Amino acid sequence: MKKLSIGMLLLLLIPTTLHALEWAYPFVVLDGRVYEVTDEQVNQSLIGQSIGEVTTQADERTGRYYDNASNHYPIGTKYFKVEGVDISEAIAVEEQGTYMKAEFVQRVPLHWRNIVYYLTPILFLTGLIITYRIREKVKKKYQNSLSI
């Protein structure tokens, strides 16, 4: 009995991989917002300017996504503004010459790549400031050593 329970515990601890995650609906991500792509077509006359495109594929094994991703559309698929509709409500996604309506569903869960994107300039400037302050301190010590 003891060996059986230890064996069951070990089986539960072994990481498993899900190879075929099924998504509830096709979606696209634009600037941190997830849009569910509906079956509703948008009239060509209502299509405004291009506002982005798919840059990454959503990871089917983990269900994670970041940047302007999609679980259904290939990289390069364009997003468009729908005239008279705010981008925070809906956008249009180009699909083989037609435009499908995509409605806002939720904000994107936080991903480390999104954080790095925003932190990189801050870290760069902080590094410059620290380097400048150290340089000034060394320069001052050197000048003081010459005057003594």
Protein backbone atom coordinates (compact mmCIF):
# COMPACT_ATOMS: atom_id res chain seq x y z
CA MET A 1 0.00 0.00 0.00
CA LYS A 2 2.84 2.36 0.89
CA LYS A 3 4.61 1.71 -2.46
CA LEU A 4 1.37 2.31 -4.33
CA SER A 5 0.74 5.69 -2.66
CA ILE A 6 4.34 6.79 -3.25
CA GLY A 7 4.05 5.73 -6.89
CA MET A 8 0.80 7.68 -7.31
CA LEU A 9 2.41 10.75 -5.71
CA LEU A 10 5.36 10.52 -8.10
CA LEU A 11 3.02 10.27 -11.07
CA LEU A 12 1.27 13.45 -9.95
CA LEU A 13 4.60 15.28 -9.61
CA ILE A 14 5.81 14.44 -13.12
CA PRO A 15 5.19 17.45 -15.31
CA THR A 16 2.83 16.70 -18.14
CA THR A 17 2.55 18.53 -21.43
CA LEU A 18 -0.71 19.30 -23.14
CA HIS A 19 -0.06 19.02 -26.87
CA ALA A 20 -3.39 20.13 -28.26
CA LEU A 21 -4.98 22.93 -26.33
CA GLU A 22 -8.35 23.84 -27.77
CA TRP A 23 -9.23 27.50 -27.59
CA ALA A 24 -12.77 28.54 -26.79
CA TYR A 25 -12.80 31.01 -29.69
CA PRO A 26 -10.42 32.56 -32.24
CA PHE A 27 -8.86 35.72 -30.85
CA VAL A 28 -6.39 38.46 -31.66
CA VAL A 29 -4.47 40.73 -29.30
CA LEU A 30 -3.83 44.41 -29.97
CA ASP A 31 -1.92 46.63 -27.55
CA GLY A 32 -2.78 44.61 -24.46
CA ARG A 33 -6.42 43.98 -25.35
CA VAL A 34 -7.88 40.60 -26.32
CA TYR A 35 -10.56 40.59 -29.03
CA GLU A 36 -12.80 37.63 -29.83
CA VAL A 37 -13.19 37.27 -33.59
CA THR A 38 -16.88 36.81 -34.41
CA ASP A 39 -18.59 35.42 -37.53
CA GLU A 40 -19.91 38.91 -38.34
CA GLN A 41 -18.41 40.47 -41.47
CA VAL A 42 -17.67 44.20 -41.55
CA ASN A 43 -18.67 46.10 -44.69
CA GLN A 44 -15.66 47.28 -46.71
CA SER A 45 -16.94 50.89 -46.59
CA LEU A 46 -16.61 50.89 -42.78
CA ILE A 47 -12.96 49.80 -42.76
CA GLY A 48 -10.61 52.53 -41.56
CA GLN A 49 -6.85 52.69 -41.29
CA SER A 50 -4.61 49.76 -40.40
CA ILE A 51 -3.89 49.76 -36.65
CA GLY A 52 -1.64 46.73 -36.28
CA GLU A 53 -0.99 43.14 -37.21
CA VAL A 54 -0.35 39.71 -35.72
CA THR A 55 3.30 39.53 -34.66
CA THR A 56 3.34 36.29 -32.63
CA GLN A 57 1.38 33.06 -32.41
CA ALA A 58 -0.27 32.08 -29.14
CA ASP A 59 1.44 29.05 -27.58
CA GLU A 60 -0.86 26.07 -28.04
CA ARG A 61 0.91 23.96 -25.42
CA THR A 62 0.81 26.43 -22.54
CA GLY A 63 -2.01 28.75 -23.56
CA ARG A 64 0.25 31.78 -23.10
CA TYR A 65 0.44 34.71 -25.44
CA TYR A 66 2.08 38.12 -25.52
CA ASP A 67 2.52 41.08 -27.83
CA ASN A 68 0.07 41.27 -30.78
CA ALA A 69 -0.74 37.56 -30.88
CA SER A 70 -3.41 35.30 -32.31
CA ASN A 71 -4.40 31.69 -31.79
CA HIS A 72 -6.00 31.43 -35.24
CA TYR A 73 -4.51 33.94 -37.68
CA PRO A 74 -0.98 33.78 -39.14
CA ILE A 75 1.71 36.34 -38.45
CA GLY A 76 1.17 39.38 -40.68
CA THR A 77 -2.65 39.35 -40.52
CA LYS A 78 -3.73 43.01 -40.37
CA TYR A 79 -6.08 44.73 -37.91
CA PHE A 80 -8.20 47.70 -38.96
CA LYS A 81 -10.23 50.38 -37.25
CA VAL A 82 -13.98 50.17 -37.84
CA GLU A 83 -15.38 53.62 -38.64
CA GLY A 84 -17.80 54.85 -35.98
CA VAL A 85 -16.66 52.23 -33.42
CA ASP A 86 -14.09 52.90 -30.70
CA ILE A 87 -11.01 50.63 -30.80
CA SER A 88 -11.64 49.74 -27.16
CA GLU A 89 -14.93 48.10 -28.24
CA ALA A 90 -14.17 46.36 -31.55
CA ILE A 91 -11.79 46.13 -34.50
CA ALA A 92 -11.79 44.38 -37.89
CA VAL A 93 -9.45 41.52 -38.79
CA GLU A 94 -8.59 40.85 -42.43
CA GLU A 95 -9.35 37.30 -43.49
CA GLN A 96 -8.80 36.37 -47.15
CA GLY A 97 -10.14 39.62 -48.56
CA THR A 98 -13.01 39.97 -46.07
CA TYR A 99 -13.05 41.73 -42.75
CA MET A 100 -14.30 39.97 -39.62
CA LYS A 101 -15.48 41.86 -36.55
CA ALA A 102 -13.45 41.25 -33.38
CA GLU A 103 -15.02 42.39 -30.09
CA PHE A 104 -13.09 43.37 -26.96
CA VAL A 105 -13.16 40.64 -24.31
CA GLN A 106 -10.50 41.39 -21.69
CA ARG A 107 -7.10 42.86 -20.95
CA VAL A 108 -4.09 40.60 -21.60
CA PRO A 109 -2.73 38.78 -18.55
CA LEU A 110 0.64 40.19 -17.51
CA HIS A 111 3.60 38.58 -19.30
CA TRP A 112 7.30 39.12 -18.53
CA ARG A 113 8.03 40.23 -22.12
CA ASN A 114 5.54 43.07 -21.76
CA ILE A 115 7.28 44.18 -18.57
CA VAL A 116 10.72 44.06 -20.21
CA TYR A 117 9.41 46.16 -23.10
CA TYR A 118 8.44 48.98 -20.76
CA LEU A 119 11.34 48.60 -18.31
CA THR A 120 14.17 48.61 -20.87
CA PRO A 121 14.28 52.41 -21.35
CA ILE A 122 14.01 52.98 -17.60
CA LEU A 123 16.85 50.54 -16.88
CA PHE A 124 18.97 52.11 -19.65
CA LEU A 125 18.51 55.62 -18.23
CA THR A 126 19.20 54.38 -14.70
CA GLY A 127 22.43 52.77 -15.94
CA LEU A 128 23.48 56.03 -17.61
CA ILE A 129 22.82 58.03 -14.44
CA ILE A 130 24.76 55.58 -12.27
CA THR A 131 27.66 55.55 -14.74
CA TYR A 132 27.73 59.36 -14.81
CA ARG A 133 27.69 59.64 -11.01
CA ILE A 134 30.50 57.10 -10.63
CA ARG A 135 32.53 58.89 -13.30
CA GLU A 136 32.08 62.24 -11.53
CA LYS A 137 33.09 60.72 -8.19
CA VAL A 138 36.26 59.19 -9.69
CA LYS A 139 37.05 62.47 -11.46
CA LYS A 140 36.70 64.42 -8.21
CA LYS A 141 38.96 61.96 -6.34
CA TYR A 142 41.57 62.23 -9.07
CA GLN A 143 41.48 66.06 -8.97
CA ASN A 144 41.77 66.01 -5.17
CA SER A 145 44.78 63.66 -5.35
CA LEU A 146 46.54 66.03 -7.78
CA SER A 147 46.00 69.09 -5.58
CA ILE A 148 47.49 67.48 -2.46
